[in-house]
Amino acid sequence: MTVGRVFKNIRVYYLAFIAYWGIVLFGYDTGIAGGVVSQTYFEQEFGLLNPDGSKNTARTNDVSSNVVSVLQAGAFFGALGSAPISSRLGRKWTLIAFTSVFSIGAILATVAKDKHHGLQLIYAGRVISGLGIGGISAVAPAYVSECSPKEVRGRITGLFQIMVAIGVMLSYFINYGIGINMPSGPNVWRIPFGFQLVPAGIMLLGLFTVK
């Protein structure tokens, strides 16, 4: 691959850089929930301990599986609805819409604060985020592929799985850092859930610059 070819396709690479933040989100969201729920402070704040202060393993496992499964349920319907929506709005505006939906869900999960309504907010946020991430993961690869010339199409679309792995890696490192440096306080869940807004914001703003 020559330097000339890189610059010739620079707009395609930029498009992939923007659109694939959504794929990073897919991997990140998949990996983040289990680590958050297993934090001791989270268990205390959201009523996952027994009256004697010991860990209620069954309750914790239920919440952990629910937090993961509701995301996948939302993603299923988001991916299902992405085809008719993108046919009507186009790929770019569909991605903008689904990224906005995802951001709303991320905000809901981030602002959860206690055992009375906190879990309901997290569940609702994860479902809404799932809708967004399902639509993004279905539309983004198609959008990038359709805009890529055949010389680089395979290379660019092949980055999909790498971006998923990067997202999962980020989730593990953030959970690890929180567990080591901030083992107590609401940042235990607010930083991991709130960090979702960073790649979502980059993608949302970046899509407005793509032509």
N, C-alpha and C. Protein backbone atom coordinates (compact mmCIF):
# COMPACT_ATOMS: atom_id res chain seq x y z
N MET A 1 0.85 -1.20 0.00
CA MET A 1 0.00 0.00 0.00
C MET A 1 0.88 1.24 0.00
N THR A 2 0.74 2.09 -1.00
CA THR A 2 1.56 3.27 -1.10
C THR A 2 0.93 4.42 -0.33
N VAL A 3 1.79 5.45 -0.07
CA VAL A 3 1.29 6.63 0.62
C VAL A 3 0.22 7.32 -0.20
N GLY A 4 0.40 7.31 -1.51
CA GLY A 4 -0.58 7.93 -2.39
C GLY A 4 -1.95 7.32 -2.26
N ARG A 5 -2.03 5.99 -2.14
CA ARG A 5 -3.32 5.33 -2.00
C ARG A 5 -3.98 5.68 -0.66
N VAL A 6 -3.16 5.81 0.38
CA VAL A 6 -3.70 6.17 1.68
C VAL A 6 -4.39 7.53 1.61
N PHE A 7 -3.70 8.51 1.01
CA PHE A 7 -4.27 9.84 0.91
C PHE A 7 -5.46 9.87 -0.05
N LYS A 8 -5.43 9.02 -1.05
CA LYS A 8 -6.54 8.95 -1.99
C LYS A 8 -7.81 8.49 -1.28
N ASN A 9 -7.66 7.60 -0.31
CA ASN A 9 -8.82 7.04 0.41
C ASN A 9 -8.96 7.61 1.82
N ILE A 10 -8.37 8.78 2.05
CA ILE A 10 -8.34 9.31 3.41
C ILE A 10 -9.74 9.57 3.96
N ARG A 11 -10.66 9.97 3.10
CA ARG A 11 -12.02 10.24 3.56
C ARG A 11 -12.73 8.95 3.98
N VAL A 12 -12.39 7.86 3.31
CA VAL A 12 -12.98 6.58 3.69
C VAL A 12 -12.44 6.12 5.04
N TYR A 13 -11.14 6.29 5.24
CA TYR A 13 -10.55 5.93 6.53
C TYR A 13 -11.12 6.80 7.66
N TYR A 14 -11.35 8.06 7.36
CA TYR A 14 -11.94 8.95 8.36
C TYR A 14 -13.38 8.51 8.70
N LEU A 15 -14.13 8.14 7.67
CA LEU A 15 -15.49 7.64 7.89
C LEU A 15 -15.46 6.40 8.78
N ALA A 16 -14.56 5.48 8.50
CA ALA A 16 -14.45 4.27 9.31
C ALA A 16 -14.06 4.60 10.75
N PHE A 17 -13.14 5.56 10.90
CA PHE A 17 -12.72 5.98 12.24
C PHE A 17 -13.90 6.50 13.05
N ILE A 18 -14.78 7.25 12.41
CA ILE A 18 -15.95 7.80 13.11
C ILE A 18 -17.00 6.72 13.36
N ALA A 19 -17.38 6.01 12.32
CA ALA A 19 -18.48 5.04 12.44
C ALA A 19 -18.14 3.89 13.37
N TYR A 20 -16.87 3.49 13.41
CA TYR A 20 -16.50 2.33 14.21
C TYR A 20 -16.38 2.61 15.71
N TRP A 21 -16.55 3.88 16.11
CA TRP A 21 -16.67 4.13 17.55
C TRP A 21 -17.91 3.42 18.10
N GLY A 22 -18.91 3.28 17.25
CA GLY A 22 -20.10 2.54 17.65
C GLY A 22 -19.82 1.07 17.90
N ILE A 23 -18.88 0.52 17.15
CA ILE A 23 -18.52 -0.88 17.35
C ILE A 23 -17.70 -1.04 18.63
N VAL A 24 -16.87 -0.04 18.93
CA VAL A 24 -16.17 -0.03 20.22
C VAL A 24 -17.19 -0.02 21.36
N LEU A 25 -18.25 0.77 21.20
CA LEU A 25 -19.31 0.81 22.21
C LEU A 25 -19.96 -0.55 22.41
N PHE A 26 -20.16 -1.27 21.32
CA PHE A 26 -20.77 -2.60 21.41
C PHE A 26 -19.91 -3.51 22.30
N GLY A 27 -18.61 -3.54 22.06
CA GLY A 27 -17.73 -4.36 22.89
C GLY A 27 -17.67 -3.86 24.32
N TYR A 28 -17.61 -2.53 24.49
CA TYR A 28 -17.52 -1.94 25.83
C TYR A 28 -18.76 -2.27 26.65
N ASP A 29 -19.94 -2.08 26.05
CA ASP A 29 -21.18 -2.35 26.77
C ASP A 29 -21.33 -3.82 27.14
N THR A 30 -20.83 -4.68 26.28
CA THR A 30 -20.90 -6.12 26.56
C THR A 30 -20.05 -6.48 27.77
N GLY A 31 -18.91 -5.82 27.93
CA GLY A 31 -17.98 -6.22 28.99
C GLY A 31 -18.10 -5.47 30.30
N ILE A 32 -18.79 -4.31 30.32
CA ILE A 32 -18.70 -3.45 31.50
C ILE A 32 -19.61 -3.86 32.64
N ALA A 33 -20.77 -4.43 32.34
CA ALA A 33 -21.81 -4.60 33.36
C ALA A 33 -21.40 -5.55 34.48
N GLY A 34 -20.84 -6.70 34.13
CA GLY A 34 -20.49 -7.68 35.15
C GLY A 34 -19.52 -7.15 36.18
N GLY A 35 -18.53 -6.39 35.72
CA GLY A 35 -17.56 -5.82 36.64
C GLY A 35 -18.15 -4.78 37.56
N VAL A 36 -19.10 -4.00 37.06
CA VAL A 36 -19.75 -2.98 37.89
C VAL A 36 -20.59 -3.64 39.00
N VAL A 37 -21.39 -4.60 38.61
CA VAL A 37 -22.29 -5.24 39.59
C VAL A 37 -21.51 -5.99 40.67
N SER A 38 -20.34 -6.48 40.35
CA SER A 38 -19.56 -7.25 41.33
C SER A 38 -18.80 -6.37 42.33
N GLN A 39 -18.81 -5.06 42.14
CA GLN A 39 -18.13 -4.17 43.08
C GLN A 39 -18.88 -4.15 44.42
N THR A 40 -18.14 -4.23 45.51
CA THR A 40 -18.75 -4.31 46.85
C THR A 40 -19.63 -3.11 47.14
N TYR A 41 -19.17 -1.92 46.80
CA TYR A 41 -19.96 -0.72 47.09
C TYR A 41 -21.26 -0.72 46.31
N PHE A 42 -21.24 -1.19 45.07
CA PHE A 42 -22.46 -1.30 44.27
C PHE A 42 -23.44 -2.25 44.96
N GLU A 43 -22.94 -3.36 45.45
CA GLU A 43 -23.79 -4.33 46.13
C GLU A 43 -24.43 -3.72 47.38
N GLN A 44 -23.68 -2.92 48.11
CA GLN A 44 -24.21 -2.27 49.30
C GLN A 44 -25.30 -1.26 48.94
N GLU A 45 -25.05 -0.44 47.96
CA GLU A 45 -25.97 0.65 47.61
C GLU A 45 -27.26 0.15 46.96
N PHE A 46 -27.19 -0.97 46.27
CA PHE A 46 -28.35 -1.43 45.52
C PHE A 46 -29.01 -2.67 46.14
N GLY A 47 -28.74 -2.90 47.43
CA GLY A 47 -29.45 -3.93 48.18
C GLY A 47 -29.14 -5.34 47.77
N LEU A 48 -27.88 -5.62 47.46
CA LEU A 48 -27.50 -6.96 47.02
C LEU A 48 -26.80 -7.74 48.13
N LEU A 49 -26.93 -7.27 49.37
CA LEU A 49 -26.32 -7.95 50.51
C LEU A 49 -27.40 -8.53 51.42
N ASN A 50 -27.05 -9.56 52.16
CA ASN A 50 -27.95 -10.13 53.16
C ASN A 50 -28.04 -9.20 54.36
N PRO A 51 -29.05 -9.37 55.22
CA PRO A 51 -29.18 -8.51 56.41
C PRO A 51 -27.94 -8.51 57.30
N ASP A 52 -27.18 -9.61 57.30
CA ASP A 52 -25.98 -9.67 58.14
C ASP A 52 -24.76 -9.06 57.46
N GLY A 53 -24.94 -8.50 56.27
CA GLY A 53 -23.83 -7.86 55.57
C GLY A 53 -23.07 -8.76 54.62
N SER A 54 -23.40 -10.04 54.60
CA SER A 54 -22.73 -10.95 53.68
C SER A 54 -23.31 -10.82 52.28
N LYS A 55 -22.56 -11.26 51.32
CA LYS A 55 -22.99 -11.13 49.93
C LYS A 55 -24.12 -12.09 49.61
N ASN A 56 -25.17 -11.57 49.01
CA ASN A 56 -26.27 -12.39 48.53
C ASN A 56 -25.94 -12.82 47.11
N THR A 57 -25.30 -13.96 47.00
CA THR A 57 -24.77 -14.40 45.70
C THR A 57 -25.86 -14.59 44.65
N ALA A 58 -26.97 -15.17 45.06
CA ALA A 58 -28.06 -15.41 44.11
C ALA A 58 -28.62 -14.11 43.58
N ARG A 59 -28.84 -13.16 44.47
CA ARG A 59 -29.37 -11.84 44.07
C ARG A 59 -28.38 -11.12 43.15
N THR A 60 -27.09 -11.16 43.52
CA THR A 60 -26.07 -10.50 42.69
C THR A 60 -26.00 -11.12 41.31
N ASN A 61 -26.06 -12.44 41.25
CA ASN A 61 -26.02 -13.12 39.95
C ASN A 61 -27.24 -12.77 39.10
N ASP A 62 -28.39 -12.67 39.76
CA ASP A 62 -29.61 -12.31 39.03
C ASP A 62 -29.49 -10.91 38.42
N VAL A 63 -29.03 -9.96 39.23
CA VAL A 63 -28.89 -8.59 38.73
C VAL A 63 -27.86 -8.51 37.62
N SER A 64 -26.74 -9.21 37.80
CA SER A 64 -25.69 -9.20 36.78
C SER A 64 -26.19 -9.76 35.46
N SER A 65 -26.90 -10.88 35.53
CA SER A 65 -27.42 -11.47 34.29
C SER A 65 -28.50 -10.60 33.67
N ASN A 66 -29.31 -9.95 34.51
CA ASN A 66 -30.35 -9.07 33.99
C ASN A 66 -29.76 -7.85 33.28
N VAL A 67 -28.73 -7.27 33.88
CA VAL A 67 -28.11 -6.09 33.30
C VAL A 67 -27.52 -6.41 31.93
N VAL A 68 -26.97 -7.60 31.80
CA VAL A 68 -26.41 -8.01 30.50
C VAL A 68 -27.51 -8.38 29.51
N SER A 69 -28.50 -9.13 29.98
CA SER A 69 -29.51 -9.66 29.06
C SER A 69 -30.44 -8.58 28.51
N VAL A 70 -30.77 -7.57 29.32
CA VAL A 70 -31.65 -6.52 28.82
C VAL A 70 -30.96 -5.71 27.72
N LEU A 71 -29.63 -5.57 27.81
CA LEU A 71 -28.89 -4.92 26.73
C LEU A 71 -29.02 -5.72 25.44
N GLN A 72 -28.85 -7.03 25.54
CA GLN A 72 -28.94 -7.88 24.36
C GLN A 72 -30.36 -7.89 23.78
N ALA A 73 -31.36 -7.83 24.66
CA ALA A 73 -32.74 -7.77 24.19
C ALA A 73 -32.98 -6.48 23.42
N GLY A 74 -32.52 -5.37 23.97
CA GLY A 74 -32.66 -4.10 23.27
C GLY A 74 -31.90 -4.10 21.95
N ALA A 75 -30.72 -4.70 21.95
CA ALA A 75 -29.90 -4.75 20.73
C ALA A 75 -30.60 -5.54 19.63
N PHE A 76 -31.30 -6.61 20.02
CA PHE A 76 -32.03 -7.41 19.04
C PHE A 76 -33.06 -6.56 18.30
N PHE A 77 -33.84 -5.82 19.06
CA PHE A 77 -34.88 -5.01 18.43
C PHE A 77 -34.30 -3.81 17.69
N GLY A 78 -33.19 -3.28 18.20
CA GLY A 78 -32.52 -2.19 17.49
C GLY A 78 -32.00 -2.63 16.14
N ALA A 79 -31.37 -3.81 16.11
CA ALA A 79 -30.86 -4.34 14.84
C ALA A 79 -32.00 -4.67 13.89
N LEU A 80 -33.11 -5.19 14.46
CA LEU A 80 -34.27 -5.55 13.64
C LEU A 80 -34.90 -4.32 12.99
N GLY A 81 -34.96 -3.24 13.74
CA GLY A 81 -35.58 -2.04 13.21
C GLY A 81 -34.67 -1.17 12.37
N SER A 82 -33.39 -1.49 12.36
CA SER A 82 -32.44 -0.62 11.65
C SER A 82 -32.62 -0.65 10.14
N ALA A 83 -33.06 -1.78 9.59
CA ALA A 83 -33.20 -1.88 8.13
C ALA A 83 -34.26 -0.94 7.57
N PRO A 84 -35.50 -1.00 8.07
CA PRO A 84 -36.49 -0.05 7.53
C PRO A 84 -36.17 1.40 7.82
N ILE A 85 -35.57 1.66 8.98
CA ILE A 85 -35.23 3.04 9.33
C ILE A 85 -34.14 3.58 8.40
N SER A 86 -33.10 2.77 8.16
CA SER A 86 -32.02 3.23 7.28
C SER A 86 -32.49 3.35 5.84
N SER A 87 -33.47 2.55 5.44
CA SER A 87 -34.02 2.67 4.09
C SER A 87 -34.75 4.00 3.92
N ARG A 88 -35.35 4.47 5.01
CA ARG A 88 -36.10 5.73 4.94
C ARG A 88 -35.20 6.95 5.16
N LEU A 89 -34.32 6.86 6.15
CA LEU A 89 -33.50 8.02 6.54
C LEU A 89 -32.13 8.05 5.89
N GLY A 90 -31.64 6.89 5.45
CA GLY A 90 -30.25 6.81 4.99
C GLY A 90 -29.35 6.35 6.11
N ARG A 91 -28.18 5.84 5.75
CA ARG A 91 -27.28 5.26 6.77
C ARG A 91 -26.81 6.31 7.78
N LYS A 92 -26.37 7.45 7.28
CA LYS A 92 -25.78 8.45 8.17
C LYS A 92 -26.77 8.93 9.22
N TRP A 93 -27.97 9.32 8.81
CA TRP A 93 -28.94 9.84 9.77
C TRP A 93 -29.48 8.75 10.67
N THR A 94 -29.50 7.53 10.19
CA THR A 94 -29.88 6.42 11.05
C THR A 94 -28.86 6.23 12.17
N LEU A 95 -27.58 6.32 11.83
CA LEU A 95 -26.54 6.22 12.84
C LEU A 95 -26.63 7.37 13.84
N ILE A 96 -26.90 8.56 13.35
CA ILE A 96 -27.07 9.70 14.26
C ILE A 96 -28.22 9.46 15.21
N ALA A 97 -29.33 8.96 14.69
CA ALA A 97 -30.50 8.70 15.53
C ALA A 97 -30.21 7.63 16.58
N PHE A 98 -29.60 6.52 16.16
CA PHE A 98 -29.33 5.43 17.10
C PHE A 98 -28.26 5.83 18.13
N THR A 99 -27.30 6.65 17.73
CA THR A 99 -26.30 7.11 18.69
C THR A 99 -26.95 8.02 19.73
N SER A 100 -27.90 8.83 19.31
CA SER A 100 -28.62 9.68 20.25
C SER A 100 -29.44 8.84 21.23
N VAL A 101 -30.09 7.81 20.73
CA VAL A 101 -30.85 6.90 21.58
C VAL A 101 -29.92 6.23 22.59
N PHE A 102 -28.78 5.75 22.10
CA PHE A 102 -27.81 5.12 22.99
C PHE A 102 -27.39 6.07 24.10
N SER A 103 -27.15 7.32 23.77
CA SER A 103 -26.67 8.30 24.76
C SER A 103 -27.70 8.52 25.85
N ILE A 104 -28.98 8.52 25.48
CA ILE A 104 -30.04 8.65 26.49
C ILE A 104 -29.99 7.49 27.47
N GLY A 105 -29.82 6.29 26.95
CA GLY A 105 -29.72 5.11 27.83
C GLY A 105 -28.51 5.17 28.73
N ALA A 106 -27.39 5.63 28.20
CA ALA A 106 -26.17 5.74 29.00
C ALA A 106 -26.34 6.74 30.13
N ILE A 107 -27.03 7.84 29.86
CA ILE A 107 -27.27 8.84 30.90
C ILE A 107 -28.15 8.27 32.01
N LEU A 108 -29.20 7.54 31.64
CA LEU A 108 -30.08 6.94 32.65
C LEU A 108 -29.31 5.99 33.57
N ALA A 109 -28.45 5.14 32.99
CA ALA A 109 -27.68 4.20 33.81
C ALA A 109 -26.68 4.94 34.70
N THR A 110 -26.16 6.05 34.21
CA THR A 110 -25.14 6.79 34.96
C THR A 110 -25.73 7.50 36.18
N VAL A 111 -26.95 8.03 36.06
CA VAL A 111 -27.51 8.83 37.15
C VAL A 111 -28.20 7.99 38.21
N ALA A 112 -28.30 6.68 38.03
CA ALA A 112 -28.90 5.81 39.07
C ALA A 112 -28.15 6.00 40.38
N LYS A 113 -28.91 6.00 41.51
CA LYS A 113 -28.21 6.34 42.75
C LYS A 113 -28.57 5.51 43.99
N ASP A 114 -29.65 4.76 44.01
CA ASP A 114 -29.96 4.01 45.22
C ASP A 114 -30.77 2.77 44.90
N LYS A 115 -31.02 1.96 45.93
CA LYS A 115 -31.68 0.68 45.73
C LYS A 115 -33.18 0.80 45.47
N HIS A 116 -33.75 1.97 45.75
CA HIS A 116 -35.20 2.12 45.59
C HIS A 116 -35.60 2.20 44.11
N HIS A 117 -34.89 3.04 43.36
CA HIS A 117 -35.20 3.18 41.94
C HIS A 117 -33.98 3.01 41.05
N GLY A 118 -32.83 2.82 41.66
CA GLY A 118 -31.58 2.78 40.90
C GLY A 118 -31.52 1.64 39.90
N LEU A 119 -31.90 0.45 40.35
CA LEU A 119 -31.83 -0.70 39.45
C LEU A 119 -32.80 -0.55 38.28
N GLN A 120 -33.98 0.04 38.56
CA GLN A 120 -34.92 0.26 37.47
C GLN A 120 -34.34 1.22 36.43
N LEU A 121 -33.65 2.25 36.90
CA LEU A 121 -33.00 3.19 35.98
C LEU A 121 -31.91 2.50 35.17
N ILE A 122 -31.14 1.66 35.84
CA ILE A 122 -30.06 0.95 35.13
C ILE A 122 -30.66 0.01 34.09
N TYR A 123 -31.69 -0.74 34.47
CA TYR A 123 -32.34 -1.64 33.51
C TYR A 123 -32.90 -0.86 32.32
N ALA A 124 -33.60 0.24 32.62
CA ALA A 124 -34.17 1.04 31.53
C ALA A 124 -33.07 1.61 30.64
N GLY A 125 -32.01 2.10 31.28
CA GLY A 125 -30.90 2.64 30.51
C GLY A 125 -30.24 1.59 29.63
N ARG A 126 -30.12 0.39 30.16
CA ARG A 126 -29.48 -0.67 29.38
C ARG A 126 -30.35 -1.11 28.20
N VAL A 127 -31.66 -1.14 28.41
CA VAL A 127 -32.55 -1.49 27.29
C VAL A 127 -32.45 -0.44 26.19
N ILE A 128 -32.51 0.84 26.58
CA ILE A 128 -32.44 1.92 25.60
C ILE A 128 -31.08 1.94 24.92
N SER A 129 -30.02 1.75 25.70
CA SER A 129 -28.68 1.66 25.11
C SER A 129 -28.59 0.48 24.15
N GLY A 130 -29.24 -0.62 24.51
CA GLY A 130 -29.25 -1.79 23.64
C GLY A 130 -29.91 -1.50 22.31
N LEU A 131 -31.02 -0.77 22.34
CA LEU A 131 -31.67 -0.38 21.08
C LEU A 131 -30.69 0.39 20.20
N GLY A 132 -29.99 1.33 20.83
CA GLY A 132 -29.03 2.13 20.07
C GLY A 132 -27.88 1.31 19.53
N ILE A 133 -27.31 0.48 20.39
CA ILE A 133 -26.12 -0.27 19.99
C ILE A 133 -26.46 -1.34 18.97
N GLY A 134 -27.68 -1.90 19.06
CA GLY A 134 -28.10 -2.88 18.06
C GLY A 134 -28.21 -2.25 16.68
N GLY A 135 -28.83 -1.06 16.63
CA GLY A 135 -28.93 -0.37 15.35
C GLY A 135 -27.58 0.06 14.81
N ILE A 136 -26.71 0.55 15.69
CA ILE A 136 -25.38 0.98 15.26
C ILE A 136 -24.58 -0.19 14.70
N SER A 137 -24.60 -1.31 15.41
CA SER A 137 -23.78 -2.46 14.99
C SER A 137 -24.28 -3.06 13.69
N ALA A 138 -25.56 -2.85 13.36
CA ALA A 138 -26.09 -3.36 12.10
C ALA A 138 -25.82 -2.41 10.94
N VAL A 139 -25.89 -1.10 11.21
CA VAL A 139 -25.80 -0.11 10.13
C VAL A 139 -24.37 0.32 9.84
N ALA A 140 -23.55 0.47 10.89
CA ALA A 140 -22.20 1.01 10.69
C ALA A 140 -21.35 0.21 9.70
N PRO A 141 -21.27 -1.12 9.82
CA PRO A 141 -20.45 -1.87 8.85
C PRO A 141 -20.98 -1.73 7.42
N ALA A 142 -22.30 -1.72 7.26
CA ALA A 142 -22.87 -1.57 5.93
C ALA A 142 -22.55 -0.19 5.36
N TYR A 143 -22.66 0.82 6.19
CA TYR A 143 -22.36 2.21 5.76
C TYR A 143 -20.92 2.33 5.30
N VAL A 144 -20.01 1.83 6.12
CA VAL A 144 -18.59 1.91 5.77
C VAL A 144 -18.29 1.11 4.51
N SER A 145 -18.85 -0.09 4.43
CA SER A 145 -18.61 -0.95 3.27
C SER A 145 -19.11 -0.30 1.98
N GLU A 146 -20.29 0.29 2.03
CA GLU A 146 -20.86 0.90 0.83
C GLU A 146 -20.07 2.11 0.36
N CYS A 147 -19.40 2.78 1.28
CA CYS A 147 -18.63 3.99 0.94
C CYS A 147 -17.18 3.69 0.59
N SER A 148 -16.75 2.44 0.75
CA SER A 148 -15.35 2.09 0.55
C SER A 148 -15.11 1.56 -0.87
N PRO A 149 -14.06 2.04 -1.54
CA PRO A 149 -13.69 1.43 -2.82
C PRO A 149 -13.19 0.01 -2.62
N LYS A 150 -13.28 -0.78 -3.64
CA LYS A 150 -12.99 -2.22 -3.50
C LYS A 150 -11.57 -2.49 -3.05
N GLU A 151 -10.63 -1.56 -3.34
CA GLU A 151 -9.23 -1.79 -2.97
C GLU A 151 -9.03 -1.85 -1.46
N VAL A 152 -9.84 -1.15 -0.71
CA VAL A 152 -9.64 -1.10 0.75
C VAL A 152 -10.84 -1.62 1.53
N ARG A 153 -11.86 -2.09 0.83
CA ARG A 153 -13.10 -2.49 1.50
C ARG A 153 -12.88 -3.63 2.49
N GLY A 154 -12.15 -4.63 2.08
CA GLY A 154 -11.91 -5.77 2.97
C GLY A 154 -11.12 -5.37 4.20
N ARG A 155 -10.10 -4.51 3.99
CA ARG A 155 -9.26 -4.09 5.11
C ARG A 155 -10.07 -3.30 6.13
N ILE A 156 -10.92 -2.41 5.64
CA ILE A 156 -11.67 -1.54 6.54
C ILE A 156 -12.79 -2.30 7.23
N THR A 157 -13.56 -3.07 6.51
CA THR A 157 -14.65 -3.80 7.15
C THR A 157 -14.12 -4.88 8.09
N GLY A 158 -12.91 -5.36 7.82
CA GLY A 158 -12.32 -6.37 8.70
C GLY A 158 -11.95 -5.82 10.07
N LEU A 159 -11.95 -4.50 10.22
CA LEU A 159 -11.64 -3.89 11.51
C LEU A 159 -12.78 -4.05 12.52
N PHE A 160 -13.93 -4.50 12.06
CA PHE A 160 -15.11 -4.62 12.93
C PHE A 160 -14.78 -5.41 14.19
N GLN A 161 -14.24 -6.62 14.02
CA GLN A 161 -13.98 -7.47 15.18
C GLN A 161 -12.90 -6.91 16.07
N ILE A 162 -11.92 -6.23 15.47
CA ILE A 162 -10.87 -5.59 16.27
C ILE A 162 -11.46 -4.51 17.16
N MET A 163 -12.40 -3.73 16.62
CA MET A 163 -13.03 -2.67 17.41
C MET A 163 -13.85 -3.25 18.56
N VAL A 164 -14.52 -4.37 18.32
CA VAL A 164 -15.25 -5.03 19.41
C VAL A 164 -14.28 -5.43 20.52
N ALA A 165 -13.15 -6.02 20.14
CA ALA A 165 -12.16 -6.45 21.13
C ALA A 165 -11.59 -5.26 21.89
N ILE A 166 -11.36 -4.14 21.21
CA ILE A 166 -10.86 -2.95 21.88
C ILE A 166 -11.88 -2.45 22.91
N GLY A 167 -13.16 -2.48 22.55
CA GLY A 167 -14.20 -2.07 23.49
C GLY A 167 -14.24 -2.95 24.73
N VAL A 168 -14.16 -4.25 24.54
CA VAL A 168 -14.13 -5.17 25.69
C VAL A 168 -12.90 -4.91 26.55
N MET A 169 -11.76 -4.71 25.91
CA MET A 169 -10.52 -4.43 26.66
C MET A 169 -10.66 -3.17 27.50
N LEU A 170 -11.22 -2.11 26.91
CA LEU A 170 -11.42 -0.87 27.65
C LEU A 170 -12.31 -1.09 28.87
N SER A 171 -13.35 -1.89 28.71
CA SER A 171 -14.26 -2.14 29.84
C SER A 171 -13.54 -2.85 30.98
N TYR A 172 -12.69 -3.81 30.64
CA TYR A 172 -11.96 -4.53 31.68
C TYR A 172 -10.98 -3.63 32.42
N PHE A 173 -10.26 -2.80 31.67
CA PHE A 173 -9.28 -1.92 32.31
C PHE A 173 -9.96 -0.85 33.16
N ILE A 174 -11.09 -0.33 32.71
CA ILE A 174 -11.80 0.68 33.51
C ILE A 174 -12.35 0.05 34.78
N ASN A 175 -12.93 -1.13 34.68
CA ASN A 175 -13.41 -1.82 35.89
C ASN A 175 -12.26 -2.11 36.85
N TYR A 176 -11.12 -2.53 36.29
CA TYR A 176 -9.96 -2.83 37.13
C TYR A 176 -9.46 -1.56 37.82
N GLY A 177 -9.36 -0.46 37.08
CA GLY A 177 -8.89 0.80 37.65
C GLY A 177 -9.82 1.32 38.74
N ILE A 178 -11.13 1.20 38.50
CA ILE A 178 -12.09 1.63 39.52
C ILE A 178 -11.97 0.78 40.77
N GLY A 179 -11.86 -0.53 40.59
CA GLY A 179 -11.75 -1.44 41.73
C GLY A 179 -10.52 -1.18 42.57
N ILE A 180 -9.42 -0.77 41.93
CA ILE A 180 -8.16 -0.53 42.65
C ILE A 180 -8.14 0.85 43.29
N ASN A 181 -8.60 1.87 42.55
CA ASN A 181 -8.41 3.26 42.99
C ASN A 181 -9.65 3.92 43.58
N MET A 182 -10.84 3.44 43.24
CA MET A 182 -12.07 4.05 43.75
C MET A 182 -13.03 2.96 44.20
N PRO A 183 -12.69 2.19 45.21
CA PRO A 183 -13.53 1.05 45.60
C PRO A 183 -14.84 1.44 46.27
N SER A 184 -15.01 2.70 46.64
CA SER A 184 -16.25 3.14 47.27
C SER A 184 -16.70 4.46 46.67
N GLY A 185 -17.99 4.72 46.79
CA GLY A 185 -18.56 5.93 46.23
C GLY A 185 -19.30 5.65 44.94
N PRO A 186 -20.18 6.56 44.54
CA PRO A 186 -21.00 6.35 43.34
C PRO A 186 -20.20 6.27 42.05
N ASN A 187 -18.94 6.71 42.08
CA ASN A 187 -18.11 6.60 40.88
C ASN A 187 -17.87 5.16 40.47
N VAL A 188 -18.14 4.23 41.39
CA VAL A 188 -17.99 2.81 41.09
C VAL A 188 -18.82 2.42 39.86
N TRP A 189 -20.01 3.00 39.73
CA TRP A 189 -20.82 2.72 38.54
C TRP A 189 -20.93 3.92 37.60
N ARG A 190 -20.79 5.13 38.14
CA ARG A 190 -20.98 6.31 37.29
C ARG A 190 -19.86 6.50 36.27
N ILE A 191 -18.64 6.22 36.65
CA ILE A 191 -17.55 6.35 35.68
C ILE A 191 -17.65 5.29 34.58
N PRO A 192 -17.81 4.01 34.92
CA PRO A 192 -17.93 3.01 33.85
C PRO A 192 -19.12 3.25 32.92
N PHE A 193 -20.29 3.56 33.50
CA PHE A 193 -21.46 3.81 32.66
C PHE A 193 -21.34 5.15 31.94
N GLY A 194 -20.80 6.15 32.63
CA GLY A 194 -20.67 7.47 32.02
C GLY A 194 -19.65 7.52 30.91
N PHE A 195 -18.62 6.68 31.00
CA PHE A 195 -17.58 6.68 29.97
C PHE A 195 -18.15 6.33 28.59
N GLN A 196 -19.29 5.66 28.58
CA GLN A 196 -19.92 5.33 27.30
C GLN A 196 -20.19 6.58 26.47
N LEU A 197 -20.42 7.69 27.15
CA LEU A 197 -20.77 8.93 26.45
C LEU A 197 -19.58 9.52 25.70
N VAL A 198 -18.36 9.11 26.04
CA VAL A 198 -17.19 9.64 25.35
C VAL A 198 -17.13 9.14 23.90
N PRO A 199 -17.06 7.82 23.67
CA PRO A 199 -17.08 7.37 22.27
C PRO A 199 -18.39 7.71 21.56
N ALA A 200 -19.50 7.70 22.30
CA ALA A 200 -20.78 8.06 21.68
C ALA A 200 -20.75 9.52 21.22
N GLY A 201 -20.18 10.40 22.03
CA GLY A 201 -20.08 11.81 21.66
C GLY A 201 -19.16 12.02 20.47
N ILE A 202 -18.03 11.31 20.46
CA ILE A 202 -17.11 11.42 19.33
C ILE A 202 -17.80 10.98 18.04
N MET A 203 -18.53 9.88 18.13
CA MET A 203 -19.22 9.37 16.95
C MET A 203 -20.32 10.32 16.49
N LEU A 204 -21.13 10.80 17.45
CA LEU A 204 -22.25 11.67 17.10
C LEU A 204 -21.78 12.96 16.45
N LEU A 205 -20.79 13.60 17.05
CA LEU A 205 -20.27 14.85 16.48
C LEU A 205 -19.54 14.58 15.16
N GLY A 206 -18.81 13.47 15.12
CA GLY A 206 -18.04 13.14 13.91
C GLY A 206 -18.92 12.87 12.72
N LEU A 207 -20.10 12.28 12.96
CA LEU A 207 -21.00 11.97 11.84
C LEU A 207 -21.47 13.22 11.12
N PHE A 208 -21.55 14.34 11.83
CA PHE A 208 -21.96 15.59 11.21
C PHE A 208 -20.86 16.16 10.30
N THR A 209 -19.63 15.67 10.46
CA THR A 209 -18.53 16.15 9.63
C THR A 209 -18.28 15.24 8.42
N VAL A 210 -18.96 14.09 8.40
CA VAL A 210 -18.77 13.13 7.30
C VAL A 210 -19.65 13.54 6.12
N LYS A 211 -19.07 13.55 4.92
CA LYS A 211 -19.81 13.91 3.71
C LYS A 211 -19.81 12.77 2.71
